[in-house]
N, C-alpha and C. Protein backbone atom coordinates (compact mmCIF):
# COMPACT_ATOMS: atom_id res chain seq x y z
N MET A 1 -21.22 -11.38 -3.93
CA MET A 1 -21.30 -11.60 -5.27
C MET A 1 -20.18 -12.61 -5.81
N SER A 2 -20.50 -13.65 -6.35
CA SER A 2 -19.37 -14.66 -6.70
C SER A 2 -19.09 -14.11 -8.25
N GLY A 3 -17.77 -14.39 -8.53
CA GLY A 3 -17.64 -13.86 -9.96
C GLY A 3 -16.93 -15.31 -10.84
N THR A 4 -16.37 -14.86 -11.89
CA THR A 4 -15.81 -15.52 -12.77
C THR A 4 -13.98 -16.07 -12.24
N PRO A 5 -13.54 -16.81 -11.95
CA PRO A 5 -12.16 -17.05 -11.66
C PRO A 5 -11.26 -16.24 -12.47
N LEU A 6 -10.26 -15.55 -11.93
CA LEU A 6 -9.31 -14.90 -12.96
C LEU A 6 -8.64 -15.69 -13.91
N ASP A 7 -8.22 -15.40 -15.00
CA ASP A 7 -7.41 -16.02 -15.68
C ASP A 7 -5.88 -16.16 -15.25
N ASP A 8 -5.12 -16.89 -16.10
CA ASP A 8 -3.69 -17.32 -15.43
C ASP A 8 -2.99 -15.93 -15.62
N ALA A 9 -3.14 -15.10 -16.62
CA ALA A 9 -2.23 -13.92 -16.74
C ALA A 9 -2.52 -13.15 -15.38
N ALA A 10 -3.83 -13.10 -15.04
CA ALA A 10 -3.94 -12.16 -13.59
C ALA A 10 -3.35 -12.79 -12.51
N LEU A 11 -3.44 -14.21 -12.35
CA LEU A 11 -2.93 -14.96 -11.28
C LEU A 11 -1.40 -14.94 -11.48
N ASP A 12 -0.84 -14.76 -12.62
CA ASP A 12 0.50 -14.57 -12.53
C ASP A 12 1.23 -13.44 -12.04
N LEU A 13 0.28 -12.02 -12.20
CA LEU A 13 0.50 -11.01 -12.11
C LEU A 13 0.39 -10.60 -10.31
N LEU A 14 -0.46 -11.16 -9.92
CA LEU A 14 -0.66 -11.16 -8.45
C LEU A 14 0.20 -12.00 -7.59
N PHE A 15 0.14 -13.41 -8.07
CA PHE A 15 0.96 -14.30 -7.25
C PHE A 15 1.97 -14.95 -8.01
N ARG A 16 1.89 -15.85 -9.12
CA ARG A 16 2.86 -16.78 -9.39
C ARG A 16 4.33 -16.01 -10.21
N GLU A 17 3.95 -14.93 -10.60
CA GLU A 17 5.21 -14.33 -11.21
C GLU A 17 5.69 -13.20 -10.43
N ALA A 18 4.83 -12.60 -9.55
CA ALA A 18 5.01 -11.11 -8.55
C ALA A 18 6.36 -11.69 -7.79
N ARG A 19 7.14 -10.81 -7.47
CA ARG A 19 8.53 -10.87 -6.73
C ARG A 19 8.39 -9.47 -5.62
N THR A 20 9.20 -9.87 -4.61
CA THR A 20 9.44 -8.47 -3.86
C THR A 20 10.74 -8.05 -4.63
N TYR A 21 10.83 -6.81 -4.71
CA TYR A 21 11.81 -5.98 -5.62
C TYR A 21 12.62 -5.04 -4.52
N TYR A 22 13.67 -5.10 -4.94
CA TYR A 22 15.00 -4.38 -4.25
C TYR A 22 15.48 -3.47 -5.10
N SER A 23 15.25 -3.12 -6.34
CA SER A 23 15.66 -1.92 -6.79
C SER A 23 14.70 -1.38 -7.74
N TRP A 24 14.68 -0.07 -8.19
CA TRP A 24 13.45 0.62 -8.95
C TRP A 24 13.95 1.36 -10.12
N ASP A 25 13.04 1.67 -10.99
CA ASP A 25 13.51 2.44 -12.23
C ASP A 25 12.86 3.87 -11.78
N SER A 26 13.07 4.63 -12.68
CA SER A 26 12.70 6.22 -12.66
C SER A 26 11.12 6.61 -12.68
N THR A 27 10.35 5.59 -12.76
CA THR A 27 8.95 5.84 -12.92
C THR A 27 8.26 6.52 -11.91
N PRO A 28 7.88 7.57 -11.59
CA PRO A 28 7.25 8.19 -10.65
C PRO A 28 5.99 7.67 -10.25
N VAL A 29 5.54 7.69 -8.88
CA VAL A 29 4.36 7.33 -8.52
C VAL A 29 3.68 8.84 -7.80
N SER A 30 2.50 9.11 -8.76
CA SER A 30 1.89 10.30 -8.40
C SER A 30 0.80 10.16 -7.09
N GLU A 31 0.51 11.30 -6.78
CA GLU A 31 -0.74 11.31 -5.70
C GLU A 31 -1.85 10.64 -6.27
N ALA A 32 -2.05 10.72 -7.72
CA ALA A 32 -3.45 10.16 -8.23
C ALA A 32 -3.28 8.65 -8.12
N ASP A 33 -2.03 8.40 -8.37
CA ASP A 33 -1.59 6.93 -8.40
C ASP A 33 -1.98 6.28 -6.82
N LEU A 34 -1.43 7.14 -5.70
CA LEU A 34 -1.68 6.72 -4.36
C LEU A 34 -3.19 6.51 -4.12
N ARG A 35 -3.74 7.48 -4.44
CA ARG A 35 -5.13 7.65 -4.04
C ARG A 35 -5.82 6.35 -4.78
N ALA A 36 -5.70 5.96 -6.04
CA ALA A 36 -6.40 5.02 -6.77
C ALA A 36 -5.92 3.64 -5.72
N LEU A 37 -4.75 3.52 -5.47
CA LEU A 37 -4.27 2.38 -4.69
C LEU A 37 -5.09 2.22 -3.43
N TYR A 38 -5.01 3.24 -2.86
CA TYR A 38 -5.90 3.24 -1.49
C TYR A 38 -7.34 2.92 -1.69
N ASP A 39 -8.02 3.58 -2.84
CA ASP A 39 -9.30 3.15 -3.10
C ASP A 39 -9.59 1.62 -3.33
N LEU A 40 -8.55 0.95 -3.77
CA LEU A 40 -8.73 -0.57 -3.86
C LEU A 40 -8.53 -0.96 -2.48
N VAL A 41 -7.41 -0.76 -1.94
CA VAL A 41 -7.11 -1.44 -0.49
C VAL A 41 -8.33 -1.18 0.55
N LYS A 42 -8.82 -0.19 0.61
CA LYS A 42 -9.78 0.31 1.55
C LYS A 42 -11.16 -0.87 1.52
N MET A 43 -11.24 -1.55 0.31
CA MET A 43 -12.29 -2.42 0.11
C MET A 43 -12.12 -3.58 0.56
N GLY A 44 -10.79 -4.09 1.04
CA GLY A 44 -10.67 -5.38 1.67
C GLY A 44 -11.28 -5.59 3.10
N PRO A 45 -11.79 -6.86 3.29
CA PRO A 45 -12.51 -7.02 4.53
C PRO A 45 -11.52 -6.82 5.88
N THR A 46 -12.08 -6.18 6.90
CA THR A 46 -11.50 -6.31 8.16
C THR A 46 -12.57 -6.61 9.34
N SER A 47 -12.21 -7.03 10.31
CA SER A 47 -13.34 -7.51 11.17
C SER A 47 -14.05 -6.37 11.85
N ALA A 48 -15.39 -6.35 11.62
CA ALA A 48 -16.34 -5.29 12.09
C ALA A 48 -15.98 -4.14 11.37
N ASN A 49 -15.60 -4.36 10.21
CA ASN A 49 -15.06 -3.23 9.07
C ASN A 49 -14.24 -2.07 9.89
N CYS A 50 -13.30 -2.75 10.68
CA CYS A 50 -12.79 -1.76 11.74
C CYS A 50 -11.69 -0.80 10.98
N CYS A 51 -11.05 -1.28 9.95
CA CYS A 51 -10.04 -0.44 9.05
C CYS A 51 -8.97 0.27 9.70
N PRO A 52 -8.25 -0.49 10.56
CA PRO A 52 -7.49 0.23 11.44
C PRO A 52 -5.99 0.76 10.83
N ALA A 53 -5.71 0.12 9.64
CA ALA A 53 -4.48 0.49 9.12
C ALA A 53 -4.55 1.98 8.53
N ARG A 54 -3.30 2.96 8.96
CA ARG A 54 -3.02 4.00 8.43
C ARG A 54 -1.70 3.93 7.48
N PHE A 55 -1.98 4.89 6.66
CA PHE A 55 -0.68 4.71 5.64
C PHE A 55 0.08 5.96 5.55
N LEU A 56 1.30 6.21 5.63
CA LEU A 56 2.13 7.21 5.47
C LEU A 56 2.86 6.90 4.07
N PHE A 57 2.85 7.56 3.11
CA PHE A 57 3.71 7.47 1.97
C PHE A 57 4.70 8.49 1.82
N VAL A 58 5.88 8.03 1.99
CA VAL A 58 7.19 8.51 2.21
C VAL A 58 7.70 8.87 0.90
N ALA A 59 7.64 10.00 0.20
CA ALA A 59 8.04 10.38 -1.11
C ALA A 59 9.11 11.50 -1.40
N SER A 60 9.29 12.25 -0.47
CA SER A 60 10.00 13.36 -0.52
C SER A 60 11.51 13.06 -0.06
N ASP A 61 12.57 13.73 -0.78
CA ASP A 61 14.07 13.40 -0.49
C ASP A 61 13.95 13.24 0.90
N ASP A 62 13.79 14.11 1.80
CA ASP A 62 13.97 14.31 3.37
C ASP A 62 13.24 13.23 3.91
N ALA A 63 12.06 13.05 3.69
CA ALA A 63 11.24 11.86 4.35
C ALA A 63 11.83 10.63 4.17
N ARG A 64 12.24 10.41 2.91
CA ARG A 64 12.97 9.06 2.40
C ARG A 64 14.30 8.86 3.28
N ALA A 65 15.17 9.93 3.54
CA ALA A 65 16.25 10.13 4.24
C ALA A 65 16.05 9.75 5.46
N ARG A 66 14.94 10.20 6.17
CA ARG A 66 14.82 9.96 7.52
C ARG A 66 14.31 8.59 7.90
N LEU A 67 13.48 7.98 6.84
CA LEU A 67 13.13 6.68 7.14
C LEU A 67 14.26 5.71 6.84
N ALA A 68 14.82 5.96 6.00
CA ALA A 68 15.94 5.10 5.42
C ALA A 68 17.23 5.08 6.86
N ALA A 69 17.25 6.05 7.59
CA ALA A 69 18.17 6.07 8.74
C ALA A 69 17.61 5.23 9.81
N THR A 70 16.43 4.72 9.61
CA THR A 70 15.92 3.92 10.89
C THR A 70 15.86 2.54 10.40
N ALA A 71 16.29 2.16 9.33
CA ALA A 71 16.02 0.90 8.46
C ALA A 71 17.61 0.21 8.58
N SER A 72 17.67 -1.14 8.60
CA SER A 72 18.90 -1.88 8.56
C SER A 72 19.73 -1.45 7.28
N GLU A 73 21.18 -1.73 7.45
CA GLU A 73 22.06 -1.59 6.59
C GLU A 73 21.69 -2.08 4.99
N ALA A 74 20.75 -2.93 4.73
CA ALA A 74 20.61 -3.43 3.76
C ALA A 74 19.30 -2.90 3.21
N ASN A 75 18.48 -2.53 4.13
CA ASN A 75 17.10 -1.89 3.77
C ASN A 75 17.37 -0.37 3.36
N GLY A 76 18.04 0.44 3.98
CA GLY A 76 18.25 1.84 3.73
C GLY A 76 18.34 2.21 2.26
N PRO A 77 19.24 1.53 1.62
CA PRO A 77 19.25 2.06 0.21
C PRO A 77 18.24 1.86 -0.68
N LYS A 78 17.39 0.65 -0.40
CA LYS A 78 16.20 0.38 -0.93
C LYS A 78 15.31 1.46 -0.86
N ILE A 79 15.02 2.02 0.32
CA ILE A 79 14.18 3.08 0.68
C ILE A 79 14.69 4.27 -0.08
N LEU A 80 15.63 4.79 -0.14
CA LEU A 80 16.40 5.70 -0.95
C LEU A 80 16.04 5.86 -2.54
N ALA A 81 16.09 4.71 -2.69
CA ALA A 81 16.13 4.17 -4.32
C ALA A 81 14.53 4.21 -4.94
N ALA A 82 13.48 3.88 -3.80
CA ALA A 82 12.40 3.75 -4.41
C ALA A 82 11.61 5.00 -4.46
N PRO A 83 10.85 5.36 -5.58
CA PRO A 83 9.95 6.76 -5.37
C PRO A 83 9.03 6.83 -4.13
N VAL A 84 8.51 5.68 -3.55
CA VAL A 84 7.83 5.74 -2.45
C VAL A 84 7.80 4.71 -1.60
N THR A 85 8.03 4.74 -0.30
CA THR A 85 7.82 3.70 0.56
C THR A 85 6.58 4.13 1.59
N ALA A 86 5.70 3.21 1.53
CA ALA A 86 4.65 3.32 2.66
C ALA A 86 4.95 2.77 3.92
N ILE A 87 4.57 3.61 4.92
CA ILE A 87 4.80 3.00 6.31
C ILE A 87 3.17 2.87 6.63
N ILE A 88 3.22 1.50 6.75
CA ILE A 88 1.75 0.93 7.17
C ILE A 88 1.87 0.69 8.67
N GLY A 89 0.85 1.49 9.21
CA GLY A 89 0.79 1.43 10.57
C GLY A 89 -0.84 1.09 10.96
N PHE A 90 -1.11 0.93 12.33
CA PHE A 90 -2.32 0.72 13.01
C PHE A 90 -2.73 1.56 14.15
N ASP A 91 -3.90 1.98 14.11
CA ASP A 91 -4.19 2.94 14.85
C ASP A 91 -4.93 2.11 16.11
N ARG A 92 -4.13 2.39 17.30
CA ARG A 92 -4.81 1.46 18.56
C ARG A 92 -6.14 1.92 18.90
N LYS A 93 -6.60 3.36 18.60
CA LYS A 93 -7.74 3.50 18.94
C LYS A 93 -8.82 3.73 17.64
N PHE A 94 -8.73 2.78 16.81
CA PHE A 94 -9.18 2.69 15.75
C PHE A 94 -10.77 2.51 15.97
N TYR A 95 -11.25 2.17 17.24
CA TYR A 95 -12.63 1.82 17.50
C TYR A 95 -13.38 3.22 17.47
N ASP A 96 -12.58 4.31 17.87
CA ASP A 96 -13.19 5.63 17.81
C ASP A 96 -14.18 5.91 16.50
N LYS A 97 -13.60 5.13 15.54
CA LYS A 97 -14.21 5.31 14.08
C LYS A 97 -15.31 4.42 13.92
N LEU A 98 -15.68 3.34 14.66
CA LEU A 98 -16.64 2.24 14.39
C LEU A 98 -17.98 2.98 14.33
N PRO A 99 -18.40 3.85 15.22
CA PRO A 99 -19.90 4.14 14.88
C PRO A 99 -20.06 4.86 13.38
N GLN A 100 -18.90 5.22 13.01
CA GLN A 100 -19.13 5.41 11.50
C GLN A 100 -18.87 4.31 10.44
N LEU A 101 -18.15 3.43 10.89
CA LEU A 101 -17.76 2.13 9.95
C LEU A 101 -18.62 1.01 10.33
N PHE A 102 -19.10 0.94 11.39
CA PHE A 102 -20.01 -0.18 11.73
C PHE A 102 -21.15 0.43 12.29
N PRO A 103 -22.02 1.01 11.70
CA PRO A 103 -23.01 1.81 12.55
C PRO A 103 -24.40 0.80 12.90
N HIS A 104 -24.51 -0.42 12.56
CA HIS A 104 -25.47 -1.14 13.08
C HIS A 104 -25.22 -1.93 14.21
N ALA A 105 -24.10 -1.55 15.02
CA ALA A 105 -24.19 -2.42 16.46
C ALA A 105 -23.18 -1.30 17.03
N ASP A 106 -23.04 -1.51 18.40
CA ASP A 106 -22.17 -0.56 19.21
C ASP A 106 -20.93 -1.32 19.47
N ALA A 107 -20.19 -1.27 18.40
CA ALA A 107 -18.83 -1.89 18.05
C ALA A 107 -18.09 -1.32 18.86
N ARG A 108 -17.87 -0.03 19.16
CA ARG A 108 -16.88 0.58 19.97
C ARG A 108 -16.90 0.07 21.16
N SER A 109 -17.86 -0.31 21.83
CA SER A 109 -17.88 -0.68 23.20
C SER A 109 -17.22 -2.06 23.35
N TRP A 110 -17.05 -2.82 22.21
CA TRP A 110 -16.40 -4.03 22.34
C TRP A 110 -14.83 -3.81 22.60
N PHE A 111 -14.09 -2.78 22.42
CA PHE A 111 -12.69 -2.40 22.64
C PHE A 111 -12.39 -1.47 23.60
N THR A 112 -13.13 -0.51 24.07
CA THR A 112 -12.82 0.44 24.90
C THR A 112 -12.72 -0.29 26.28
N GLY A 113 -11.51 0.09 26.83
CA GLY A 113 -11.42 -0.56 28.25
C GLY A 113 -10.59 -1.95 28.11
N ASP A 114 -10.34 -2.39 26.89
CA ASP A 114 -9.65 -3.43 26.62
C ASP A 114 -8.57 -2.97 25.83
N ASP A 115 -7.21 -2.48 26.27
CA ASP A 115 -6.37 -2.14 25.21
C ASP A 115 -5.59 -3.26 24.67
N ALA A 116 -5.39 -4.35 25.27
CA ALA A 116 -4.81 -5.53 24.64
C ALA A 116 -5.42 -5.88 23.52
N MET A 117 -6.95 -6.34 23.74
CA MET A 117 -7.68 -6.80 22.43
C MET A 117 -7.81 -5.64 21.37
N ALA A 118 -7.81 -4.55 21.77
CA ALA A 118 -8.00 -3.58 20.69
C ALA A 118 -6.47 -3.46 19.91
N ARG A 119 -5.60 -3.48 20.57
CA ARG A 119 -4.07 -3.65 19.94
C ARG A 119 -3.80 -4.94 19.14
N GLU A 120 -4.33 -5.96 19.59
CA GLU A 120 -4.07 -7.23 18.84
C GLU A 120 -5.31 -7.20 17.59
N THR A 121 -6.39 -6.69 17.73
CA THR A 121 -7.33 -6.53 16.71
C THR A 121 -6.59 -5.53 15.62
N ALA A 122 -6.10 -4.41 15.96
CA ALA A 122 -5.50 -3.43 15.14
C ALA A 122 -4.48 -3.98 14.42
N PHE A 123 -3.45 -4.80 15.30
CA PHE A 123 -2.49 -5.36 14.49
C PHE A 123 -2.74 -6.32 13.46
N ARG A 124 -3.73 -7.12 13.78
CA ARG A 124 -3.98 -8.29 12.89
C ARG A 124 -4.80 -7.81 11.76
N ASN A 125 -5.68 -6.86 12.17
CA ASN A 125 -6.47 -6.52 10.89
C ASN A 125 -5.62 -5.27 9.76
N SER A 126 -4.62 -4.71 10.58
CA SER A 126 -3.81 -3.71 9.52
C SER A 126 -2.68 -4.75 8.69
N SER A 127 -2.23 -5.84 9.42
CA SER A 127 -1.61 -6.80 8.47
C SER A 127 -2.40 -7.00 7.33
N LEU A 128 -3.68 -7.45 7.52
CA LEU A 128 -4.42 -7.79 6.61
C LEU A 128 -4.67 -6.82 5.51
N GLN A 129 -4.70 -5.52 5.87
CA GLN A 129 -4.75 -4.48 5.00
C GLN A 129 -3.28 -4.25 4.30
N GLY A 130 -2.26 -4.34 5.17
CA GLY A 130 -0.91 -4.44 4.43
C GLY A 130 -0.96 -5.40 3.20
N ALA A 131 -1.50 -6.59 3.38
CA ALA A 131 -1.38 -7.65 2.34
C ALA A 131 -2.41 -7.19 1.11
N TYR A 132 -3.42 -6.56 1.46
CA TYR A 132 -4.27 -5.94 0.19
C TYR A 132 -3.48 -4.98 -0.42
N PHE A 133 -2.79 -4.17 0.27
CA PHE A 133 -2.09 -3.07 -0.18
C PHE A 133 -0.97 -3.57 -1.33
N ILE A 134 -0.33 -4.73 -0.99
CA ILE A 134 0.45 -5.38 -1.79
C ILE A 134 -0.02 -5.92 -3.07
N LEU A 135 -1.18 -6.63 -2.76
CA LEU A 135 -2.07 -7.21 -4.12
C LEU A 135 -2.67 -6.14 -4.78
N ALA A 136 -3.32 -5.29 -4.39
CA ALA A 136 -3.69 -3.96 -4.96
C ALA A 136 -2.74 -3.30 -5.73
N ALA A 137 -1.63 -3.08 -5.30
CA ALA A 137 -0.40 -2.53 -6.15
C ALA A 137 -0.19 -3.41 -7.31
N ARG A 138 -0.17 -4.60 -7.05
CA ARG A 138 0.17 -5.55 -8.22
C ARG A 138 -1.01 -5.48 -9.17
N ALA A 139 -2.24 -5.55 -8.72
CA ALA A 139 -3.29 -5.20 -9.62
C ALA A 139 -3.24 -4.12 -10.53
N LEU A 140 -2.60 -3.12 -9.95
CA LEU A 140 -2.41 -1.76 -10.81
C LEU A 140 -1.25 -1.52 -11.58
N GLY A 141 -0.47 -2.59 -11.68
CA GLY A 141 0.94 -2.53 -12.38
C GLY A 141 1.99 -2.00 -11.59
N TRP A 142 1.79 -1.94 -10.23
CA TRP A 142 3.05 -1.66 -9.70
C TRP A 142 3.75 -2.90 -9.00
N ASP A 143 5.18 -2.63 -8.61
CA ASP A 143 5.76 -3.68 -7.86
C ASP A 143 5.91 -3.17 -6.38
N THR A 144 6.33 -3.97 -5.42
CA THR A 144 6.42 -3.73 -4.30
C THR A 144 7.64 -4.40 -3.60
N GLY A 145 7.98 -3.74 -2.48
CA GLY A 145 8.95 -4.35 -1.57
C GLY A 145 8.79 -4.27 -0.24
N PRO A 146 8.10 -5.30 0.12
CA PRO A 146 7.92 -5.07 1.96
C PRO A 146 9.12 -5.52 2.53
N MET A 147 9.27 -4.66 3.66
CA MET A 147 10.19 -4.80 4.62
C MET A 147 9.96 -4.68 6.09
N SER A 148 10.64 -5.51 6.86
CA SER A 148 10.50 -5.55 8.38
C SER A 148 11.71 -5.46 9.00
N GLY A 149 12.89 -4.90 8.31
CA GLY A 149 14.26 -4.55 8.82
C GLY A 149 14.39 -3.17 9.20
N PHE A 150 13.78 -2.72 10.27
CA PHE A 150 13.82 -1.40 10.61
C PHE A 150 13.64 -1.38 12.15
N ASP A 151 14.02 -0.45 12.61
CA ASP A 151 13.78 0.42 14.01
C ASP A 151 12.47 0.70 14.40
N LYS A 152 11.61 -0.11 14.82
CA LYS A 152 10.16 0.48 15.04
C LYS A 152 10.04 1.49 15.77
N ALA A 153 10.50 1.58 16.93
CA ALA A 153 10.53 2.80 17.95
C ALA A 153 11.12 3.85 17.23
N ALA A 154 12.08 3.70 16.42
CA ALA A 154 12.61 5.08 15.70
C ALA A 154 11.65 5.51 14.64
N VAL A 155 11.15 4.78 14.02
CA VAL A 155 9.96 4.92 12.88
C VAL A 155 8.73 5.80 13.60
N ASP A 156 8.40 5.06 14.64
CA ASP A 156 7.18 5.48 15.47
C ASP A 156 7.45 6.87 15.98
N ALA A 157 8.84 7.21 16.48
CA ALA A 157 9.06 8.18 16.84
C ALA A 157 9.41 9.59 15.76
N GLN A 158 9.81 9.02 14.69
CA GLN A 158 9.93 9.90 13.53
C GLN A 158 8.55 10.44 12.86
N PHE A 159 7.73 9.41 12.81
CA PHE A 159 6.56 9.51 11.92
C PHE A 159 5.14 9.53 12.68
N TRP A 160 5.05 8.91 13.70
CA TRP A 160 3.81 8.89 14.28
C TRP A 160 3.81 9.56 15.62
N ALA A 161 4.67 10.28 16.03
CA ALA A 161 4.73 11.14 17.52
C ALA A 161 3.53 11.90 17.53
N GLY A 162 2.99 11.68 18.83
CA GLY A 162 1.73 12.37 19.05
C GLY A 162 0.54 11.72 18.82
N THR A 163 0.44 10.46 18.09
CA THR A 163 -0.66 10.00 17.72
C THR A 163 -0.74 8.60 18.41
N ASP A 164 -1.94 7.90 18.09
CA ASP A 164 -1.92 6.55 18.70
C ASP A 164 -1.80 5.45 17.79
N VAL A 165 -0.91 6.04 16.62
CA VAL A 165 -0.69 4.93 15.49
C VAL A 165 0.85 4.19 15.83
N GLU A 166 0.95 3.07 15.62
CA GLU A 166 2.21 2.36 15.57
C GLU A 166 2.63 1.57 14.18
N THR A 167 3.65 1.61 14.05
CA THR A 167 4.20 0.82 12.81
C THR A 167 3.85 -0.57 12.92
N ASN A 168 3.30 -1.07 11.63
CA ASN A 168 3.34 -2.48 11.35
C ASN A 168 4.45 -3.00 10.55
N PHE A 169 4.55 -2.48 9.12
CA PHE A 169 5.81 -2.81 8.13
C PHE A 169 5.79 -1.71 7.31
N ILE A 170 6.86 -1.49 6.59
CA ILE A 170 7.00 -0.60 5.42
C ILE A 170 7.14 -1.63 4.34
N CYS A 171 6.59 -0.57 3.26
CA CYS A 171 6.76 -1.40 1.74
C CYS A 171 6.84 -0.18 0.54
N SER A 172 8.20 -0.55 0.01
CA SER A 172 8.23 0.18 -1.12
C SER A 172 7.48 0.04 -2.30
N LEU A 173 7.35 0.97 -3.19
CA LEU A 173 6.16 0.87 -4.27
C LEU A 173 7.01 1.72 -5.45
N GLY A 174 6.86 0.93 -6.54
CA GLY A 174 7.11 1.80 -7.90
C GLY A 174 7.33 0.85 -9.00
N LYS A 175 8.16 0.75 -9.93
CA LYS A 175 8.32 -0.20 -11.06
C LYS A 175 9.71 -0.65 -10.70
N GLY A 176 9.62 -1.94 -10.50
CA GLY A 176 11.00 -2.70 -9.83
C GLY A 176 11.67 -3.12 -11.10
N THR A 177 13.05 -3.18 -10.76
CA THR A 177 14.19 -3.71 -11.93
C THR A 177 14.60 -4.89 -11.51
N THR A 178 15.15 -5.89 -12.45
CA THR A 178 15.39 -7.16 -12.08
C THR A 178 16.98 -7.01 -11.74
N GLU A 179 17.70 -5.94 -11.67
CA GLU A 179 18.97 -6.21 -11.51
C GLU A 179 19.50 -6.79 -10.18
N LYS A 180 18.65 -6.69 -9.14
CA LYS A 180 19.00 -7.43 -7.77
C LYS A 180 18.12 -8.47 -7.24
N LEU A 181 17.20 -9.06 -8.19
CA LEU A 181 16.46 -10.15 -8.06
C LEU A 181 17.28 -11.39 -7.99
N PHE A 182 17.02 -12.43 -7.13
CA PHE A 182 17.71 -13.69 -7.11
C PHE A 182 16.45 -14.76 -7.24
N PRO A 183 16.86 -15.94 -7.71
CA PRO A 183 15.84 -16.95 -7.69
C PRO A 183 14.89 -17.01 -6.72
N ARG A 184 13.56 -17.12 -7.20
CA ARG A 184 12.47 -17.17 -6.22
C ARG A 184 12.96 -18.31 -5.21
N SER A 185 12.45 -18.11 -4.05
CA SER A 185 12.83 -19.06 -2.98
C SER A 185 11.87 -20.01 -2.94
N PRO A 186 12.09 -21.19 -2.24
CA PRO A 186 11.00 -22.36 -2.40
C PRO A 186 9.85 -22.05 -1.37
N ARG A 187 8.71 -22.71 -1.67
CA ARG A 187 7.49 -22.35 -0.81
C ARG A 187 7.30 -23.89 -0.32
N LEU A 188 6.54 -23.89 1.01
CA LEU A 188 5.96 -25.00 1.40
C LEU A 188 5.12 -25.94 0.59
N ALA A 189 5.09 -27.18 0.46
CA ALA A 189 4.15 -28.01 0.06
C ALA A 189 2.78 -28.16 0.74
N PHE A 190 1.72 -28.29 0.15
CA PHE A 190 0.38 -28.43 0.94
C PHE A 190 0.62 -29.27 1.97
N GLU A 191 1.29 -30.29 1.83
CA GLU A 191 1.39 -31.47 3.05
C GLU A 191 1.86 -30.75 4.11
N ASP A 192 2.94 -29.89 3.88
CA ASP A 192 3.73 -29.16 5.07
C ASP A 192 3.27 -28.34 5.69
N ALA A 193 2.29 -27.50 5.07
CA ALA A 193 1.60 -26.30 5.82
C ALA A 193 0.19 -26.64 6.09
N ALA A 194 -0.53 -27.36 5.48
CA ALA A 194 -1.90 -27.50 5.60
C ALA A 194 -2.58 -28.82 5.88
N THR A 195 -3.68 -28.70 6.52
CA THR A 195 -4.27 -29.98 7.13
C THR A 195 -5.92 -30.03 6.88
N ILE A 196 -6.50 -30.91 6.22
CA ILE A 196 -7.96 -30.87 6.11
C ILE A 196 -8.60 -31.78 7.15
N LEU A 197 -9.30 -31.27 8.05
CA LEU A 197 -9.83 -32.20 9.23
C LEU A 197 -11.23 -32.51 8.85
C-alpha cells in the first residue's frame, strides 16, 4: 500500500532534527510504552519474515548496574542515567520459528545445517530491526541513545546465558536532554556515498 509522503514535521522528528542522546530527564518508560514500541518494530520487514531480533529491556536499578559494568567508561553513566536501555540481540536459531512466521515455504530448511549463513542472516536482519527500533521510538515521541561501546562477551554472559541469543548493540530510551549534546556531525554528500548505475 503506497501512501502520501510524510510532512516536514514528521521527517524532522524521524531524521533531520533527531539526535543521539547522552543524558535523560526523569520521565519514566512504562511496560505499556515498551509494548507499544515493540508492536511497531515487529512490523518492519526482514528476509523471509525471519524476525531474529530479541529485546531485553534493562530497567531495574540492579539490571542497569550490571549492564553499565560491561560498558565503556563513557557509556556506563549513560546506561545508569537512562530509564531503560534495550539490549538488542539476535537469535542464532531464529529459523525454528519460521514455520510460524513464513508458513508458505519450508524456510527453516534453508538455514539448518549452515550455522554461518544462519548467523549472518540473524545479524543482518536484527540490525535492521534495531534501526526500526530507533525510528519507531522517535515516531512515538521518545529519544534514543544507541551504543556499541561495551564488552559483548560480558553482556552475552550476563544477560543471554543459556540461550542461542547474542548481543548486536544496545540502545538507551527515554526523554533526552540537551545538556550533553554537541553540534551535529557532518554527513557524506550523495556524490561521496552513492552511485547511480
